[in-house]
N, C-alpha and C. Protein backbone atom coordinates (compact mmCIF):
# COMPACT_ATOMS: atom_id res chain seq x y z
N MET A 1 0.79 -1.24 -0.05
CA MET A 1 -0.05 0.07 -0.16
C MET A 1 0.92 1.19 0.05
N ALA A 2 0.67 2.22 -0.75
CA ALA A 2 1.26 3.55 -0.85
C ALA A 2 1.05 4.45 0.28
N LEU A 3 1.80 5.49 0.41
CA LEU A 3 1.50 6.63 1.29
C LEU A 3 0.33 7.13 0.93
N CYS A 4 -0.46 7.53 1.92
CA CYS A 4 -1.79 8.23 1.63
C CYS A 4 -1.59 9.57 1.22
N GLY A 5 -0.75 10.33 1.77
CA GLY A 5 -0.61 11.75 1.42
C GLY A 5 0.07 11.76 0.10
N ASP A 6 -0.19 13.08 -0.35
CA ASP A 6 0.37 13.38 -1.76
C ASP A 6 1.54 14.27 -1.79
N ASP A 7 1.92 14.80 -0.64
CA ASP A 7 2.97 15.74 -0.53
C ASP A 7 4.41 15.11 -0.29
N HIS A 8 4.70 14.13 -0.98
CA HIS A 8 6.00 13.43 -0.81
C HIS A 8 7.23 14.37 -0.85
N PRO A 9 7.27 15.43 -1.44
CA PRO A 9 8.47 16.25 -1.43
C PRO A 9 8.74 16.83 -0.13
N LYS A 10 7.55 17.25 0.67
CA LYS A 10 7.77 17.78 2.02
C LYS A 10 8.24 16.51 2.96
N LEU A 11 7.74 15.29 2.75
CA LEU A 11 8.20 14.21 3.44
C LEU A 11 9.59 13.89 3.25
N LEU A 12 10.05 13.98 2.21
CA LEU A 12 11.60 13.75 1.69
C LEU A 12 12.34 14.74 2.17
N ALA A 13 11.84 16.13 2.39
CA ALA A 13 12.61 17.04 2.96
C ALA A 13 12.86 17.03 4.44
N ARG A 14 11.79 16.53 5.16
CA ARG A 14 12.02 16.24 6.50
C ARG A 14 12.92 15.11 6.75
N ILE A 15 12.84 13.93 5.84
CA ILE A 15 13.68 12.91 6.03
C ILE A 15 15.31 13.26 5.74
N ASN A 16 15.40 14.14 4.87
CA ASN A 16 16.87 14.74 4.61
C ASN A 16 17.30 15.54 5.76
N ARG A 17 16.55 16.37 6.48
CA ARG A 17 16.85 17.09 7.66
C ARG A 17 17.23 15.93 8.60
N ILE A 18 16.45 14.84 8.95
CA ILE A 18 16.78 13.75 10.03
C ILE A 18 18.08 13.29 9.49
N GLU A 19 18.08 12.93 8.30
CA GLU A 19 19.43 12.34 7.96
C GLU A 19 20.76 13.18 8.29
N GLY A 20 20.40 14.59 8.09
CA GLY A 20 21.56 15.42 8.51
C GLY A 20 21.75 15.46 10.06
N GLN A 21 20.75 15.45 10.82
CA GLN A 21 20.77 15.45 12.15
C GLN A 21 21.60 14.13 12.72
N VAL A 22 21.30 13.07 12.04
CA VAL A 22 21.92 11.73 12.54
C VAL A 22 23.44 11.84 12.04
N ARG A 23 23.79 12.44 10.94
CA ARG A 23 25.17 12.41 10.51
C ARG A 23 25.92 13.57 11.56
N GLY A 24 25.17 14.38 11.83
CA GLY A 24 25.71 15.36 13.09
C GLY A 24 26.03 14.62 14.29
N LEU A 25 25.25 13.73 14.66
CA LEU A 25 25.26 12.91 15.82
C LEU A 25 26.60 12.11 15.69
N ARG A 26 26.76 11.60 14.61
CA ARG A 26 27.95 10.73 14.57
C ARG A 26 29.14 11.62 14.50
N LYS A 27 29.14 12.77 13.91
CA LYS A 27 30.31 13.65 13.87
C LYS A 27 30.56 14.27 15.46
N MET A 28 29.53 14.45 16.13
CA MET A 28 29.69 14.83 17.36
C MET A 28 30.50 13.80 18.29
N VAL A 29 29.97 12.62 18.07
CA VAL A 29 30.57 11.39 18.65
C VAL A 29 31.92 11.26 18.41
N GLU A 30 32.44 11.32 17.10
CA GLU A 30 33.78 11.09 16.62
C GLU A 30 34.64 12.36 17.21
N GLN A 31 33.99 13.47 17.33
CA GLN A 31 34.77 14.58 17.87
C GLN A 31 34.89 14.56 19.56
N ASP A 32 34.12 13.50 19.97
CA ASP A 32 34.31 13.45 21.35
C ASP A 32 33.52 14.70 21.99
N ARG A 33 32.48 15.20 21.50
CA ARG A 33 31.77 16.38 22.16
C ARG A 33 31.05 16.07 23.47
N GLY A 34 30.62 16.89 24.15
CA GLY A 34 30.03 16.82 25.47
C GLY A 34 28.84 16.05 25.43
N CYS A 35 28.58 15.56 26.63
CA CYS A 35 27.27 14.60 26.66
C CYS A 35 26.07 15.38 26.50
N MET A 36 26.02 16.58 27.10
CA MET A 36 24.83 17.30 26.90
C MET A 36 24.48 17.82 25.61
N ASP A 37 25.59 18.16 24.90
CA ASP A 37 25.55 18.56 23.47
C ASP A 37 24.84 17.37 22.59
N VAL A 38 25.56 16.36 22.88
CA VAL A 38 25.07 15.10 22.02
C VAL A 38 23.76 14.58 22.56
N LEU A 39 23.34 14.80 23.59
CA LEU A 39 21.85 14.40 24.10
C LEU A 39 20.84 15.32 23.57
N LYS A 40 21.22 16.63 23.50
CA LYS A 40 20.53 17.55 22.77
C LYS A 40 20.12 17.31 21.38
N GLN A 41 21.28 16.87 20.71
CA GLN A 41 20.92 16.61 19.29
C GLN A 41 20.14 15.30 19.17
N VAL A 42 20.35 14.26 19.94
CA VAL A 42 19.56 13.03 19.95
C VAL A 42 18.18 13.42 20.27
N ALA A 43 17.88 14.25 21.20
CA ALA A 43 16.44 14.65 21.43
C ALA A 43 15.92 15.38 20.11
N ALA A 44 16.57 16.16 19.51
CA ALA A 44 16.24 16.88 18.48
C ALA A 44 15.77 16.05 17.15
N ALA A 45 16.85 15.12 17.05
CA ALA A 45 16.43 13.92 15.84
C ALA A 45 15.40 13.17 16.30
N SER A 46 15.08 12.87 17.55
CA SER A 46 14.07 11.92 18.05
C SER A 46 12.75 12.60 17.80
N GLY A 47 12.74 13.79 18.19
CA GLY A 47 11.55 14.80 17.94
C GLY A 47 11.14 14.86 16.40
N ALA A 48 12.17 15.08 15.60
CA ALA A 48 12.07 15.19 14.23
C ALA A 48 11.48 13.83 13.80
N LEU A 49 11.83 12.69 14.13
CA LEU A 49 11.36 11.36 13.64
C LEU A 49 9.69 11.24 14.18
N ARG A 50 9.49 11.53 15.37
CA ARG A 50 8.22 11.59 15.92
C ARG A 50 7.25 12.47 15.11
N SER A 51 7.73 13.59 14.81
CA SER A 51 6.97 14.55 13.97
C SER A 51 6.66 14.20 12.58
N LEU A 52 7.77 13.54 12.10
CA LEU A 52 7.51 12.87 10.64
C LEU A 52 6.47 11.80 10.66
N GLY A 53 6.64 10.95 11.78
CA GLY A 53 5.69 9.82 11.95
C GLY A 53 4.34 10.32 12.06
N MET A 54 4.17 11.41 12.94
CA MET A 54 2.67 12.02 13.20
C MET A 54 2.21 12.49 11.93
N VAL A 55 2.87 13.16 10.99
CA VAL A 55 2.54 13.78 9.69
C VAL A 55 2.04 12.55 8.73
N ILE A 56 2.64 11.51 8.87
CA ILE A 56 2.23 10.33 7.97
C ILE A 56 1.06 9.67 8.58
N LEU A 57 1.00 9.53 10.04
CA LEU A 57 -0.07 9.03 10.59
C LEU A 57 -1.34 9.92 10.20
N GLU A 58 -1.36 11.16 10.43
CA GLU A 58 -2.39 12.07 10.08
C GLU A 58 -2.81 11.76 8.72
N ASP A 59 -1.88 11.82 7.75
CA ASP A 59 -2.34 11.51 6.35
C ASP A 59 -3.09 10.35 6.15
N HIS A 60 -2.46 9.22 6.90
CA HIS A 60 -3.14 7.86 6.94
C HIS A 60 -4.50 7.92 7.53
N LEU A 61 -4.91 8.46 8.47
CA LEU A 61 -6.10 8.57 9.17
C LEU A 61 -6.99 9.29 8.33
N LYS A 62 -6.58 10.51 7.50
CA LYS A 62 -7.44 11.32 6.58
C LYS A 62 -7.83 10.74 5.32
N GLY A 63 -6.84 9.84 5.01
CA GLY A 63 -7.00 8.95 3.70
C GLY A 63 -7.34 7.60 3.89
N CYS A 64 -6.48 6.80 3.92
CA CYS A 64 -6.85 5.26 3.87
C CYS A 64 -7.65 4.94 4.95
N VAL A 65 -7.62 5.43 6.23
CA VAL A 65 -8.60 5.00 7.25
C VAL A 65 -9.91 5.51 6.90
N ALA A 66 -10.01 6.70 6.60
CA ALA A 66 -11.35 7.46 6.36
C ALA A 66 -11.94 6.61 5.31
N THR A 67 -11.30 6.24 4.03
CA THR A 67 -11.83 5.58 3.01
C THR A 67 -12.41 4.36 3.34
N ALA A 68 -11.55 3.38 4.12
CA ALA A 68 -11.79 2.16 4.55
C ALA A 68 -13.04 2.00 5.61
N LEU A 69 -13.21 3.08 6.32
CA LEU A 69 -14.40 3.12 7.26
C LEU A 69 -15.65 3.53 6.43
N THR A 70 -15.67 4.47 5.44
CA THR A 70 -16.63 4.98 4.79
C THR A 70 -17.16 3.81 3.71
N GLU A 71 -16.23 3.08 3.30
CA GLU A 71 -16.49 1.98 2.32
C GLU A 71 -16.74 0.62 3.09
N LYS A 72 -16.62 0.54 4.45
CA LYS A 72 -16.91 -0.68 5.17
C LYS A 72 -15.84 -1.73 4.54
N ASP A 73 -14.53 -1.39 3.94
CA ASP A 73 -13.78 -2.18 3.63
C ASP A 73 -12.75 -2.45 4.50
N HIS A 74 -12.75 -3.74 5.12
CA HIS A 74 -11.88 -4.31 6.22
C HIS A 74 -11.71 -3.29 7.36
N ASP A 75 -12.82 -2.61 7.75
CA ASP A 75 -12.82 -1.62 8.74
C ASP A 75 -12.38 -2.03 10.13
N GLN A 76 -12.72 -3.25 10.49
CA GLN A 76 -12.16 -3.70 11.72
C GLN A 76 -10.67 -3.96 11.77
N GLU A 77 -10.05 -4.51 10.60
CA GLU A 77 -8.79 -4.60 10.60
C GLU A 77 -8.13 -3.39 10.45
N THR A 78 -8.63 -2.42 9.81
CA THR A 78 -8.03 -0.91 9.79
C THR A 78 -7.85 -0.49 11.17
N ILE A 79 -8.97 -0.46 11.94
CA ILE A 79 -9.15 0.02 13.37
C ILE A 79 -7.99 -0.66 14.11
N ALA A 80 -7.95 -2.03 13.89
CA ALA A 80 -6.80 -2.79 14.64
C ALA A 80 -5.43 -2.30 14.34
N GLN A 81 -5.15 -1.83 13.14
CA GLN A 81 -3.83 -1.46 12.61
C GLN A 81 -3.68 -0.07 13.29
N VAL A 82 -4.74 0.73 13.24
CA VAL A 82 -4.38 2.07 13.84
C VAL A 82 -4.37 2.10 15.33
N ILE A 83 -4.80 1.13 16.07
CA ILE A 83 -4.61 0.89 17.45
C ILE A 83 -3.33 0.52 17.76
N ASP A 84 -2.84 -0.34 16.77
CA ASP A 84 -1.38 -0.88 16.96
C ASP A 84 -0.35 0.13 16.68
N VAL A 85 -0.60 0.90 15.67
CA VAL A 85 0.54 2.04 15.51
C VAL A 85 0.46 3.13 16.60
N PHE A 86 -0.78 3.56 17.08
CA PHE A 86 -0.88 4.36 18.19
C PHE A 86 -0.02 3.91 19.60
N ASN A 87 -0.12 2.64 19.71
CA ASN A 87 0.39 1.92 20.70
C ASN A 87 1.96 2.00 20.57
N LYS A 88 2.45 1.89 19.40
CA LYS A 88 3.92 1.96 19.16
C LYS A 88 4.42 3.34 19.22
N PHE A 89 3.58 4.47 18.94
CA PHE A 89 3.97 5.80 19.08
C PHE A 89 3.92 6.30 20.56
N SER A 90 3.13 5.61 21.26
CA SER A 90 3.17 5.97 22.76
C SER A 90 4.19 5.39 23.66
N ARG A 91 5.03 4.66 23.07
CA ARG A 91 6.12 4.08 23.99
C ARG A 91 7.18 4.89 23.93
């Protein structure tokens, strides 16, 4: 199944920024930077990933899930999948 949203360039831009943050983390560790600096960067990268996930989840709810519920197309399965992904995001 393809992504529900149609703004892939924005998603790719977010992913590129996240990749840059992770490369920055590697560089910070290689340079033996301070713990607090590295931790702040880890928090920023983690937040960026969570934000990306929420954008994709919102698109999924508005697109795929709404369609499945409206058309009664595997609606119970779709609800179970959404609950599962919410549980994974809440950890």
